[in-house]
Amino acid sequence: MSRFAFQLLLFLLPFAAYAVWLHFTKRGWRAPEHWRGVPLVWLVGAAVALTLGSLALLALTGGGSSKSMYVPAHMENGVFVPGRITEPDRK
């Protein structure tokens, strides 16, 4: 759940930054006309870019080493064994 919350936070970050900017420039962050049209397109684009960028970074840096091997879930003697990543034997 924490990974989903982190992705949601990254998605909402541009909107929060824009609201803070509107507040400090005294334009009124609650005014609907400031959230329509081009700003909304840029905010959604920035939010999607942040979210996809973080997912790509996670995919590139997470996981095991390049020599590790994935063992899929299987049954052993009637017992379910979940999938896992095994490290190679070091000799």
Protein backbone atom coordinates (compact mmCIF):
# COMPACT_ATOMS: atom_id res chain seq x y z
CA MET A 1 0.00 0.00 0.00
CA SER A 2 2.88 2.37 0.69
CA ARG A 3 4.08 2.16 -2.92
CA PHE A 4 0.59 3.13 -4.12
CA ALA A 5 0.49 6.02 -1.64
CA PHE A 6 3.91 7.19 -2.84
CA GLN A 7 2.78 7.12 -6.49
CA LEU A 8 -0.40 9.00 -5.56
CA LEU A 9 1.67 11.60 -3.71
CA LEU A 10 3.92 12.05 -6.75
CA PHE A 11 0.86 12.45 -8.98
CA LEU A 12 -0.66 15.10 -6.70
CA LEU A 13 2.62 17.00 -6.20
CA PRO A 14 2.31 19.30 -9.28
CA PHE A 15 -1.25 20.25 -8.30
CA ALA A 16 -0.18 21.09 -4.76
CA ALA A 17 2.79 23.12 -6.03
CA TYR A 18 0.51 25.06 -8.38
CA ALA A 19 -1.95 25.72 -5.54
CA VAL A 20 0.87 27.01 -3.33
CA TRP A 21 2.12 29.22 -6.18
CA LEU A 22 -1.39 30.63 -6.70
CA HIS A 23 -1.70 31.28 -2.98
CA PHE A 24 1.59 33.18 -2.71
CA THR A 25 0.92 35.25 -5.82
CA LYS A 26 -2.41 36.31 -4.30
CA ARG A 27 -4.41 34.95 -7.24
CA GLY A 28 -6.64 32.74 -5.13
CA TRP A 29 -5.98 29.01 -5.41
CA ARG A 30 -9.68 28.21 -4.96
CA ALA A 31 -10.81 30.16 -8.04
CA PRO A 32 -11.95 27.63 -10.67
CA GLU A 33 -10.77 29.78 -13.59
CA HIS A 34 -7.14 29.23 -12.55
CA TRP A 35 -7.51 25.46 -12.87
CA ARG A 36 -9.13 25.27 -16.32
CA GLY A 37 -7.61 24.97 -19.76
CA VAL A 38 -3.87 25.04 -20.38
CA PRO A 39 -2.73 24.93 -16.71
CA LEU A 40 -4.70 21.74 -16.17
CA VAL A 41 -3.12 20.11 -19.24
CA TRP A 42 0.37 21.02 -18.03
CA LEU A 43 -0.37 19.84 -14.51
CA VAL A 44 -1.69 16.47 -15.67
CA GLY A 45 1.28 16.09 -18.02
CA ALA A 46 3.75 16.87 -15.22
CA ALA A 47 1.93 14.50 -12.85
CA VAL A 48 1.97 11.64 -15.36
CA ALA A 49 5.64 12.30 -16.16
CA LEU A 50 6.59 12.22 -12.47
CA THR A 51 4.63 9.04 -11.88
CA LEU A 52 5.96 7.20 -14.94
CA GLY A 53 9.48 8.42 -14.26
CA SER A 54 9.41 7.09 -10.72
CA LEU A 55 8.03 3.75 -11.93
CA ALA A 56 10.78 3.52 -14.56
CA LEU A 57 13.43 4.36 -11.96
CA LEU A 58 12.02 1.71 -9.66
CA ALA A 59 12.05 -0.87 -12.45
CA LEU A 60 15.65 -0.06 -13.36
CA THR A 61 17.07 0.05 -9.84
CA GLY A 62 14.89 -2.40 -7.92
CA GLY A 63 15.04 -6.14 -7.79
CA GLY A 64 17.89 -8.57 -7.52
CA SER A 65 21.19 -8.72 -9.28
CA SER A 66 21.45 -9.55 -12.95
CA LYS A 67 22.63 -13.06 -12.06
CA SER A 68 19.70 -13.84 -9.78
CA MET A 69 16.97 -16.19 -10.94
CA TYR A 70 13.20 -16.03 -10.46
CA VAL A 71 11.60 -19.22 -9.17
CA PRO A 72 7.84 -19.09 -9.86
CA ALA A 73 5.22 -20.17 -7.35
CA HIS A 74 4.74 -23.93 -7.25
CA MET A 75 3.47 -26.83 -5.15
CA GLU A 76 5.89 -28.99 -3.15
CA ASN A 77 4.44 -32.05 -1.38
CA GLY A 78 0.99 -30.47 -1.37
CA VAL A 79 2.27 -27.17 0.10
CA PHE A 80 2.11 -23.91 -1.85
CA VAL A 81 5.55 -22.28 -2.15
CA PRO A 82 5.35 -18.61 -3.22
CA GLY A 83 7.54 -17.26 -6.00
CA ARG A 84 10.89 -15.76 -5.06
CA ILE A 85 14.15 -14.45 -6.43
CA THR A 86 17.14 -16.64 -5.60
CA GLU A 87 20.69 -15.41 -5.47
CA PRO A 88 23.36 -17.50 -7.18
CA ASP A 89 25.60 -19.67 -5.01
CA ARG A 90 28.84 -17.87 -4.19
CA LYS A 91 31.84 -20.15 -4.26
